[in-house]
């Protein structure tokens, strides 16, 4: 029995990888056409397809979790792709830089990163992505992708990542429908 399952499991992994490549190409083409390729990046990683949205001047103002008008077109495009794809669980992750927040409604970067991820999830739900596919997490400054020793590095670390999780890496807990 396991011999029969192995080729089909391998075929499913190959199909998933090709699906991720196709989705990556769609998003990369959109970003290029809109001139925002420096703000929207995609990576196929071990955990799945990562859509990285740098938050500065695109999604949020500093210290806030209210979506800027400039966020609507790019998030609408991502929501369209998620609706059409319709299969994978989606984790939305908020990230900040390590600079303490001053004068914000959020006491720390933990609350800010979580609020930003939740705000993007709410946008996705309002755009027709089924809520059962979505989850949110905030990581504050703990997962940098660039050095925090420069302003440019800190800017890259302020981001929201929308991750289409590989099959078998769902985020739902318990048996609640």
N, C-alpha and C. Protein backbone atom coordinates (compact mmCIF):
# COMPACT_ATOMS: atom_id res chain seq x y z
N UNK A 1 0.83 -1.19 0.00
CA UNK A 1 0.00 0.00 0.00
C UNK A 1 0.88 1.26 0.00
N UNK A 2 1.90 1.29 0.81
CA UNK A 2 2.74 2.48 0.86
C UNK A 2 3.50 2.69 -0.45
N UNK A 3 3.77 1.58 -1.18
CA UNK A 3 4.45 1.74 -2.46
C UNK A 3 3.56 2.49 -3.45
N UNK A 4 2.26 2.23 -3.41
CA UNK A 4 1.33 2.90 -4.31
C UNK A 4 1.15 4.36 -3.90
N UNK A 5 1.16 4.64 -2.59
CA UNK A 5 0.94 6.00 -2.10
C UNK A 5 2.15 6.89 -2.40
N UNK A 6 3.33 6.32 -2.39
CA UNK A 6 4.54 7.11 -2.56
C UNK A 6 4.61 7.85 -3.90
N UNK A 7 4.37 7.16 -5.03
CA UNK A 7 4.39 7.91 -6.31
C UNK A 7 3.31 8.99 -6.37
N UNK A 8 2.12 8.72 -5.83
CA UNK A 8 1.08 9.74 -5.88
C UNK A 8 1.41 10.90 -4.95
N UNK A 9 2.04 10.64 -3.83
CA UNK A 9 2.46 11.72 -2.93
C UNK A 9 3.54 12.57 -3.60
N UNK A 10 4.46 11.92 -4.28
CA UNK A 10 5.51 12.65 -4.99
C UNK A 10 4.90 13.49 -6.12
N UNK A 11 3.93 12.94 -6.82
CA UNK A 11 3.27 13.68 -7.89
C UNK A 11 2.52 14.89 -7.32
N UNK A 12 1.88 14.71 -6.16
CA UNK A 12 1.17 15.81 -5.53
C UNK A 12 2.14 16.92 -5.12
N UNK A 13 3.31 16.54 -4.60
CA UNK A 13 4.32 17.55 -4.22
C UNK A 13 4.82 18.30 -5.44
N UNK A 14 5.04 17.59 -6.54
CA UNK A 14 5.49 18.24 -7.78
C UNK A 14 4.42 19.20 -8.31
N UNK A 15 3.16 18.78 -8.27
CA UNK A 15 2.07 19.64 -8.74
C UNK A 15 1.96 20.88 -7.86
N UNK A 16 2.08 20.69 -6.57
CA UNK A 16 2.01 21.83 -5.66
C UNK A 16 3.15 22.82 -5.93
N UNK A 17 4.35 22.30 -6.15
CA UNK A 17 5.50 23.15 -6.45
C UNK A 17 5.26 23.93 -7.73
N UNK A 18 4.72 23.29 -8.76
CA UNK A 18 4.43 23.97 -10.02
C UNK A 18 3.32 25.01 -9.83
N UNK A 19 2.31 24.68 -9.01
CA UNK A 19 1.25 25.65 -8.71
C UNK A 19 1.85 26.88 -8.04
N UNK A 20 2.76 26.68 -7.08
CA UNK A 20 3.41 27.80 -6.40
C UNK A 20 4.21 28.63 -7.40
N UNK A 21 4.91 27.98 -8.32
CA UNK A 21 5.69 28.72 -9.34
C UNK A 21 4.77 29.58 -10.21
N UNK A 22 3.62 29.01 -10.60
CA UNK A 22 2.67 29.74 -11.43
C UNK A 22 2.12 30.95 -10.67
N UNK A 23 1.75 30.78 -9.41
CA UNK A 23 1.23 31.88 -8.61
C UNK A 23 2.31 32.95 -8.39
N UNK A 24 3.54 32.51 -8.16
CA UNK A 24 4.66 33.43 -7.99
C UNK A 24 4.83 34.28 -9.24
N UNK A 25 4.76 33.65 -10.41
CA UNK A 25 4.89 34.40 -11.66
C UNK A 25 3.78 35.44 -11.81
N UNK A 26 2.55 35.07 -11.45
CA UNK A 26 1.42 36.00 -11.53
C UNK A 26 1.67 37.23 -10.66
N UNK A 27 2.10 36.99 -9.43
CA UNK A 27 2.31 38.10 -8.49
C UNK A 27 3.50 38.94 -8.93
N UNK A 28 4.58 38.29 -9.34
CA UNK A 28 5.77 39.02 -9.79
C UNK A 28 5.45 39.89 -11.02
N UNK A 29 4.65 39.35 -11.95
CA UNK A 29 4.26 40.11 -13.13
C UNK A 29 3.43 41.32 -12.74
N UNK A 30 2.48 41.12 -11.84
CA UNK A 30 1.64 42.22 -11.36
C UNK A 30 2.51 43.31 -10.73
N UNK A 31 3.43 42.92 -9.85
CA UNK A 31 4.30 43.89 -9.17
C UNK A 31 5.14 44.67 -10.18
N UNK A 32 5.65 43.97 -11.18
CA UNK A 32 6.46 44.61 -12.22
C UNK A 32 5.62 45.62 -13.01
N UNK A 33 4.41 45.20 -13.40
CA UNK A 33 3.53 46.07 -14.18
C UNK A 33 3.15 47.34 -13.41
N UNK A 34 3.01 47.22 -12.09
CA UNK A 34 2.61 48.35 -11.26
C UNK A 34 3.81 49.13 -10.73
N UNK A 35 5.03 48.67 -11.02
CA UNK A 35 6.22 49.37 -10.56
C UNK A 35 6.46 49.25 -9.06
N UNK A 36 5.97 48.18 -8.46
CA UNK A 36 6.13 48.01 -7.01
C UNK A 36 6.92 46.75 -6.65
N UNK A 37 7.75 46.30 -7.59
CA UNK A 37 8.50 45.07 -7.34
C UNK A 37 9.45 45.20 -6.15
N UNK A 38 9.82 46.42 -5.76
CA UNK A 38 10.67 46.57 -4.58
C UNK A 38 9.86 46.46 -3.30
N UNK A 39 8.54 46.54 -3.39
CA UNK A 39 7.67 46.47 -2.22
C UNK A 39 6.91 45.16 -2.10
N UNK A 40 6.81 44.41 -3.20
CA UNK A 40 6.10 43.13 -3.21
C UNK A 40 7.04 42.08 -3.77
N UNK A 41 7.39 41.11 -2.94
CA UNK A 41 8.32 40.07 -3.36
C UNK A 41 7.73 38.71 -3.03
N UNK A 42 8.08 37.74 -3.84
CA UNK A 42 7.61 36.38 -3.59
C UNK A 42 8.80 35.44 -3.49
N UNK A 43 8.64 34.44 -2.64
CA UNK A 43 9.68 33.43 -2.43
C UNK A 43 8.98 32.09 -2.23
N UNK A 44 9.47 31.06 -2.92
CA UNK A 44 8.98 29.71 -2.64
C UNK A 44 9.93 29.13 -1.61
N UNK A 45 9.40 28.91 -0.42
CA UNK A 45 10.20 28.45 0.71
C UNK A 45 9.74 27.06 1.14
N UNK A 46 10.42 26.51 2.10
CA UNK A 46 10.06 25.18 2.60
C UNK A 46 8.63 25.16 3.13
N UNK A 47 8.20 26.26 3.75
CA UNK A 47 6.85 26.28 4.33
C UNK A 47 5.76 26.56 3.30
N UNK A 48 6.14 27.10 2.11
CA UNK A 48 5.15 27.36 1.08
C UNK A 48 5.51 28.59 0.27
N UNK A 49 4.52 29.18 -0.38
CA UNK A 49 4.72 30.39 -1.17
C UNK A 49 4.56 31.59 -0.25
N UNK A 50 5.62 32.38 -0.12
CA UNK A 50 5.61 33.55 0.74
C UNK A 50 5.46 34.80 -0.14
N UNK A 51 4.40 35.56 0.11
CA UNK A 51 4.18 36.84 -0.55
C UNK A 51 4.55 37.90 0.47
N UNK A 52 5.64 38.57 0.23
CA UNK A 52 6.20 39.54 1.19
C UNK A 52 5.82 40.94 0.76
N UNK A 53 5.08 41.64 1.63
CA UNK A 53 4.64 43.01 1.36
C UNK A 53 5.34 43.92 2.34
N UNK A 54 6.26 44.74 1.85
CA UNK A 54 6.94 45.69 2.73
C UNK A 54 5.95 46.79 3.09
N UNK A 55 5.83 47.08 4.36
CA UNK A 55 4.72 47.94 4.81
C UNK A 55 4.97 49.43 4.62
N UNK A 56 6.22 49.87 4.63
CA UNK A 56 6.50 51.31 4.53
C UNK A 56 5.92 51.90 3.26
N UNK A 57 5.15 52.97 3.41
CA UNK A 57 4.58 53.73 2.31
C UNK A 57 3.63 52.92 1.41
N UNK A 58 3.36 51.69 1.75
CA UNK A 58 2.42 50.91 0.94
C UNK A 58 1.22 50.49 1.76
N UNK A 59 1.43 49.70 2.81
CA UNK A 59 0.31 49.17 3.58
C UNK A 59 -0.11 50.04 4.75
N UNK A 60 0.88 50.46 5.58
CA UNK A 60 0.56 51.13 6.83
C UNK A 60 1.48 52.33 7.06
N UNK A 61 0.98 53.31 7.80
CA UNK A 61 1.83 54.38 8.30
C UNK A 61 2.55 53.87 9.55
N UNK A 62 3.64 54.52 9.89
CA UNK A 62 4.46 54.12 11.03
C UNK A 62 3.63 54.05 12.31
N UNK A 63 3.73 52.91 13.00
CA UNK A 63 3.07 52.74 14.28
C UNK A 63 1.58 52.49 14.22
N UNK A 64 1.02 52.36 13.02
CA UNK A 64 -0.43 52.18 12.87
C UNK A 64 -0.76 50.86 12.18
N UNK A 65 -2.02 50.44 12.34
CA UNK A 65 -2.48 49.22 11.69
C UNK A 65 -3.70 49.48 10.80
N UNK A 66 -3.88 50.75 10.41
CA UNK A 66 -4.94 51.10 9.46
C UNK A 66 -4.36 51.03 8.06
N UNK A 67 -5.03 50.28 7.19
CA UNK A 67 -4.53 50.15 5.82
C UNK A 67 -4.60 51.49 5.10
N UNK A 68 -3.53 51.79 4.38
CA UNK A 68 -3.48 53.00 3.57
C UNK A 68 -4.24 52.76 2.26
N UNK A 69 -4.74 53.79 1.62
CA UNK A 69 -5.41 53.62 0.31
C UNK A 69 -4.52 52.91 -0.71
N UNK A 70 -3.22 53.14 -0.65
CA UNK A 70 -2.29 52.50 -1.60
C UNK A 70 -2.25 50.98 -1.43
N UNK A 71 -2.72 50.48 -0.29
CA UNK A 71 -2.71 49.04 -0.05
C UNK A 71 -3.81 48.31 -0.81
N UNK A 72 -4.89 49.01 -1.11
CA UNK A 72 -6.06 48.34 -1.69
C UNK A 72 -5.77 47.61 -3.00
N UNK A 73 -5.12 48.23 -3.98
CA UNK A 73 -4.91 47.49 -5.24
C UNK A 73 -4.07 46.22 -5.07
N UNK A 74 -2.97 46.30 -4.33
CA UNK A 74 -2.11 45.13 -4.21
C UNK A 74 -2.79 44.05 -3.36
N UNK A 75 -3.45 44.42 -2.27
CA UNK A 75 -4.14 43.41 -1.47
C UNK A 75 -5.33 42.82 -2.23
N UNK A 76 -5.99 43.63 -3.05
CA UNK A 76 -7.09 43.10 -3.86
C UNK A 76 -6.58 42.07 -4.86
N UNK A 77 -5.43 42.32 -5.46
CA UNK A 77 -4.83 41.36 -6.40
C UNK A 77 -4.46 40.06 -5.68
N UNK A 78 -3.86 40.19 -4.50
CA UNK A 78 -3.50 38.98 -3.73
C UNK A 78 -4.78 38.23 -3.35
N UNK A 79 -5.81 38.93 -2.93
CA UNK A 79 -7.07 38.28 -2.57
C UNK A 79 -7.67 37.55 -3.77
N UNK A 80 -7.62 38.17 -4.95
CA UNK A 80 -8.12 37.52 -6.17
C UNK A 80 -7.36 36.22 -6.43
N UNK A 81 -6.05 36.26 -6.30
CA UNK A 81 -5.24 35.06 -6.53
C UNK A 81 -5.58 33.99 -5.50
N UNK A 82 -5.76 34.38 -4.24
CA UNK A 82 -6.11 33.41 -3.20
C UNK A 82 -7.49 32.80 -3.46
N UNK A 83 -8.44 33.62 -3.90
CA UNK A 83 -9.78 33.09 -4.20
C UNK A 83 -9.71 32.08 -5.34
N UNK A 84 -8.97 32.44 -6.40
CA UNK A 84 -8.87 31.54 -7.56
C UNK A 84 -8.13 30.26 -7.20
N UNK A 85 -7.09 30.38 -6.37
CA UNK A 85 -6.31 29.20 -5.98
C UNK A 85 -7.17 28.30 -5.10
N UNK A 86 -7.82 28.84 -4.12
CA UNK A 86 -8.86 28.16 -3.35
C UNK A 86 -8.51 26.91 -2.57
N UNK A 87 -7.26 26.56 -2.43
CA UNK A 87 -6.92 25.26 -1.86
C UNK A 87 -6.11 25.35 -0.56
N UNK A 88 -5.07 26.13 -0.56
CA UNK A 88 -4.12 26.11 0.56
C UNK A 88 -4.57 26.98 1.74
N UNK A 89 -4.18 26.56 2.93
CA UNK A 89 -4.33 27.39 4.11
C UNK A 89 -3.40 28.58 3.97
N UNK A 90 -3.80 29.72 4.52
CA UNK A 90 -3.04 30.96 4.37
C UNK A 90 -2.74 31.54 5.75
N UNK A 91 -1.47 31.73 6.04
CA UNK A 91 -1.04 32.36 7.28
C UNK A 91 -0.59 33.78 6.95
N UNK A 92 -1.17 34.76 7.62
CA UNK A 92 -0.76 36.15 7.45
C UNK A 92 0.07 36.53 8.67
N UNK A 93 1.30 36.97 8.41
CA UNK A 93 2.26 37.23 9.48
C UNK A 93 2.68 38.69 9.48
N UNK A 94 2.59 39.33 10.63
CA UNK A 94 3.05 40.70 10.78
C UNK A 94 4.45 40.74 11.39
N UNK A 95 5.29 41.63 10.88
CA UNK A 95 6.67 41.78 11.35
C UNK A 95 6.98 43.27 11.51
N UNK A 96 7.81 43.59 12.49
CA UNK A 96 8.23 44.97 12.72
C UNK A 96 9.74 45.04 12.80
N UNK A 97 10.24 46.25 12.98
CA UNK A 97 11.66 46.40 13.31
C UNK A 97 11.77 46.46 14.84
N UNK A 98 12.97 46.51 15.41
CA UNK A 98 13.10 46.46 16.87
C UNK A 98 12.98 47.82 17.58
N UNK A 99 12.74 48.89 16.82
CA UNK A 99 12.64 50.20 17.44
C UNK A 99 11.37 50.26 18.28
N UNK A 100 11.48 50.61 19.57
CA UNK A 100 10.28 50.70 20.41
C UNK A 100 9.29 51.73 19.85
N UNK A 101 8.03 51.45 20.00
CA UNK A 101 6.98 52.33 19.50
C UNK A 101 6.81 53.50 20.46
N UNK A 102 6.69 54.69 19.92
CA UNK A 102 6.42 55.88 20.72
C UNK A 102 5.21 56.59 20.16
N UNK A 103 4.28 56.94 21.02
CA UNK A 103 3.12 57.71 20.59
C UNK A 103 2.12 56.92 19.77
N UNK A 104 2.11 55.62 19.89
CA UNK A 104 1.19 54.78 19.13
C UNK A 104 0.10 54.26 20.06
N UNK A 105 -0.99 53.81 19.48
CA UNK A 105 -2.04 53.17 20.28
C UNK A 105 -1.60 51.77 20.71
N UNK A 106 -0.50 51.27 20.14
CA UNK A 106 -0.01 49.95 20.48
C UNK A 106 1.14 50.07 21.47
N UNK A 107 1.06 49.36 22.59
CA UNK A 107 2.12 49.50 23.60
C UNK A 107 3.48 48.94 23.16
N UNK A 108 3.46 47.90 22.31
CA UNK A 108 4.72 47.31 21.86
C UNK A 108 4.60 46.83 20.43
N UNK A 109 5.73 46.43 19.86
CA UNK A 109 5.74 45.87 18.50
C UNK A 109 4.96 44.57 18.40
N UNK A 110 4.79 43.86 19.51
CA UNK A 110 3.99 42.63 19.49
C UNK A 110 2.56 42.94 19.07
N UNK A 111 1.96 43.91 19.74
CA UNK A 111 0.57 44.26 19.41
C UNK A 111 0.46 44.84 18.01
N UNK A 112 1.44 45.65 17.64
CA UNK A 112 1.40 46.25 16.30
C UNK A 112 1.48 45.18 15.22
N UNK A 113 2.43 44.25 15.34
CA UNK A 113 2.58 43.22 14.30
C UNK A 113 1.35 42.33 14.21
N UNK A 114 0.76 42.01 15.35
CA UNK A 114 -0.44 41.17 15.36
C UNK A 114 -1.63 41.91 14.78
N UNK A 115 -1.77 43.20 15.14
CA UNK A 115 -2.88 44.00 14.61
C UNK A 115 -2.78 44.14 13.10
N UNK A 116 -1.57 44.35 12.59
CA UNK A 116 -1.40 44.47 11.14
C UNK A 116 -1.77 43.17 10.42
N UNK A 117 -1.33 42.05 10.96
CA UNK A 117 -1.69 40.76 10.34
C UNK A 117 -3.20 40.56 10.38
N UNK A 118 -3.82 40.88 11.50
CA UNK A 118 -5.27 40.73 11.63
C UNK A 118 -6.01 41.65 10.67
N UNK A 119 -5.49 42.84 10.47
CA UNK A 119 -6.13 43.79 9.55
C UNK A 119 -6.08 43.27 8.12
N UNK A 120 -4.97 42.67 7.73
CA UNK A 120 -4.87 42.09 6.39
C UNK A 120 -5.81 40.90 6.26
N UNK A 121 -5.93 40.09 7.30
CA UNK A 121 -6.88 38.96 7.28
C UNK A 121 -8.30 39.50 7.08
N UNK A 122 -8.68 40.54 7.81
CA UNK A 122 -10.02 41.11 7.65
C UNK A 122 -10.24 41.61 6.22
N UNK A 123 -9.20 42.21 5.62
CA UNK A 123 -9.31 42.66 4.23
C UNK A 123 -9.55 41.45 3.31
N UNK A 124 -8.81 40.37 3.53
CA UNK A 124 -8.95 39.17 2.69
C UNK A 124 -10.36 38.59 2.81
N UNK A 125 -10.89 38.54 4.03
CA UNK A 125 -12.24 38.02 4.24
C UNK A 125 -13.26 38.91 3.52
N UNK A 126 -13.12 40.23 3.67
CA UNK A 126 -14.03 41.16 3.00
C UNK A 126 -13.92 41.06 1.48
N UNK A 127 -12.79 40.56 1.00
CA UNK A 127 -12.57 40.40 -0.45
C UNK A 127 -12.95 39.02 -0.95
N UNK A 128 -13.58 38.22 -0.10
CA UNK A 128 -14.11 36.94 -0.54
C UNK A 128 -13.24 35.72 -0.30
N UNK A 129 -12.12 35.87 0.39
CA UNK A 129 -11.30 34.70 0.74
C UNK A 129 -11.97 34.05 1.95
N UNK A 130 -12.30 32.75 1.88
CA UNK A 130 -12.99 32.10 3.00
C UNK A 130 -12.18 32.18 4.31
N UNK A 131 -12.85 32.61 5.37
CA UNK A 131 -12.17 32.79 6.66
C UNK A 131 -11.57 31.48 7.18
N UNK A 132 -12.15 30.34 6.83
CA UNK A 132 -11.63 29.05 7.31
C UNK A 132 -10.22 28.76 6.78
N UNK A 133 -9.81 29.45 5.73
CA UNK A 133 -8.46 29.25 5.16
C UNK A 133 -7.42 30.15 5.80
N UNK A 134 -7.85 31.15 6.56
CA UNK A 134 -6.96 32.21 7.02
C UNK A 134 -6.62 32.11 8.50
N UNK A 135 -5.41 32.54 8.84
CA UNK A 135 -5.01 32.73 10.22
C UNK A 135 -4.00 33.87 10.27
N UNK A 136 -3.81 34.43 11.46
CA UNK A 136 -2.92 35.58 11.61
C UNK A 136 -1.95 35.33 12.76
N UNK A 137 -0.75 35.89 12.60
CA UNK A 137 0.26 35.80 13.66
C UNK A 137 1.10 37.08 13.63
N UNK A 138 1.52 37.50 14.80
CA UNK A 138 2.42 38.64 14.91
C UNK A 138 3.74 38.18 15.50
N UNK A 139 4.84 38.58 14.89
CA UNK A 139 6.17 38.14 15.33
C UNK A 139 7.05 39.29 15.80
N UNK A 140 6.49 40.50 15.90
CA UNK A 140 7.25 41.68 16.31
C UNK A 140 8.52 41.77 15.47
N UNK A 141 9.67 41.84 16.11
CA UNK A 141 10.96 42.02 15.42
C UNK A 141 11.80 40.74 15.41
N UNK A 142 11.21 39.60 15.75
CA UNK A 142 11.99 38.38 15.99
C UNK A 142 12.44 37.63 14.74
N UNK A 143 11.91 37.95 13.57
CA UNK A 143 12.28 37.24 12.34
C UNK A 143 12.72 38.23 11.26
N UNK A 144 13.83 38.93 11.49
CA UNK A 144 14.28 39.91 10.49
C UNK A 144 14.77 39.22 9.22
N UNK A 145 14.61 39.92 8.09
CA UNK A 145 15.13 39.43 6.81
C UNK A 145 16.31 40.28 6.35
N UNK A 146 16.60 41.33 7.12
CA UNK A 146 17.72 42.22 6.81
C UNK A 146 18.30 42.71 8.14
N UNK A 147 19.46 43.34 8.06
CA UNK A 147 20.11 43.88 9.25
C UNK A 147 19.29 45.04 9.81
N UNK A 148 19.16 45.09 11.12
CA UNK A 148 18.49 46.21 11.76
C UNK A 148 19.43 47.37 12.06
N UNK A 149 20.67 47.27 11.61
CA UNK A 149 21.65 48.31 11.91
C UNK A 149 21.56 49.49 10.96
N UNK A 150 20.74 49.36 9.89
CA UNK A 150 20.56 50.47 8.96
C UNK A 150 19.08 50.77 8.78
N UNK A 151 18.78 52.00 8.37
CA UNK A 151 17.38 52.38 8.11
C UNK A 151 16.79 51.52 6.99
N UNK A 152 17.59 51.23 5.95
CA UNK A 152 17.10 50.41 4.84
C UNK A 152 16.79 48.99 5.31
N UNK A 153 17.62 48.43 6.16
CA UNK A 153 17.37 47.09 6.70
C UNK A 153 16.12 47.06 7.56
N UNK A 154 15.99 48.06 8.43
CA UNK A 154 14.79 48.12 9.29
C UNK A 154 13.54 48.26 8.43
N UNK A 155 13.61 49.02 7.34
CA UNK A 155 12.48 49.18 6.44
C UNK A 155 12.07 47.84 5.83
N UNK A 156 13.04 47.02 5.45
CA UNK A 156 12.75 45.70 4.89
C UNK A 156 12.12 44.77 5.92
N UNK A 157 12.47 44.96 7.18
CA UNK A 157 11.94 44.10 8.24
C UNK A 157 10.50 44.46 8.62
N UNK A 158 10.06 45.65 8.30
CA UNK A 158 8.67 46.05 8.55
C UNK A 158 7.84 45.55 7.38
N UNK A 159 7.14 44.45 7.62
CA UNK A 159 6.47 43.80 6.50
C UNK A 159 5.31 42.93 6.98
N UNK A 160 4.47 42.55 6.04
CA UNK A 160 3.45 41.53 6.24
C UNK A 160 3.74 40.45 5.22
N UNK A 161 3.75 39.21 5.69
CA UNK A 161 3.94 38.07 4.79
C UNK A 161 2.65 37.27 4.73
N UNK A 162 2.21 37.00 3.52
CA UNK A 162 1.04 36.15 3.28
C UNK A 162 1.59 34.84 2.75
N UNK A 163 1.41 33.78 3.52
CA UNK A 163 2.04 32.50 3.21
C UNK A 163 0.99 31.47 2.84
N UNK A 164 1.05 30.97 1.60
CA UNK A 164 0.24 29.82 1.21
C UNK A 164 1.00 28.60 1.70
N UNK A 165 0.47 27.96 2.71
CA UNK A 165 1.18 26.85 3.34
C UNK A 165 1.12 25.59 2.49
N UNK A 166 2.22 24.88 2.50
CA UNK A 166 2.24 23.59 1.79
C UNK A 166 1.19 22.66 2.40
N UNK A 167 0.70 21.74 1.60
CA UNK A 167 -0.29 20.78 2.06
C UNK A 167 0.25 20.04 3.27
N UNK A 168 -0.63 19.81 4.24
CA UNK A 168 -0.21 19.12 5.45
C UNK A 168 0.35 20.05 6.51
N UNK A 169 0.43 21.36 6.21
CA UNK A 169 0.91 22.34 7.19
C UNK A 169 -0.20 23.29 7.56
N UNK A 170 -1.42 22.79 7.64
CA UNK A 170 -2.57 23.65 7.95
C UNK A 170 -2.40 24.31 9.30
N UNK A 171 -3.18 25.36 9.51
CA UNK A 171 -3.04 26.14 10.72
C UNK A 171 -4.22 25.99 11.66
N UNK A 172 -5.21 25.24 11.27
CA UNK A 172 -6.40 25.12 12.11
C UNK A 172 -6.14 24.17 13.26
N UNK A 173 -6.63 24.53 14.42
CA UNK A 173 -6.51 23.66 15.58
C UNK A 173 -7.86 23.13 15.99
N UNK A 174 -7.86 22.02 16.70
CA UNK A 174 -9.12 21.46 17.20
C UNK A 174 -10.00 20.90 16.11
N UNK A 175 -11.24 20.58 16.50
CA UNK A 175 -12.18 20.00 15.56
C UNK A 175 -13.34 20.92 15.25
N UNK A 176 -13.21 22.17 15.62
CA UNK A 176 -14.30 23.12 15.37
C UNK A 176 -14.41 23.39 13.87
N UNK A 177 -15.63 23.33 13.33
CA UNK A 177 -15.79 23.59 11.91
C UNK A 177 -15.46 25.03 11.53
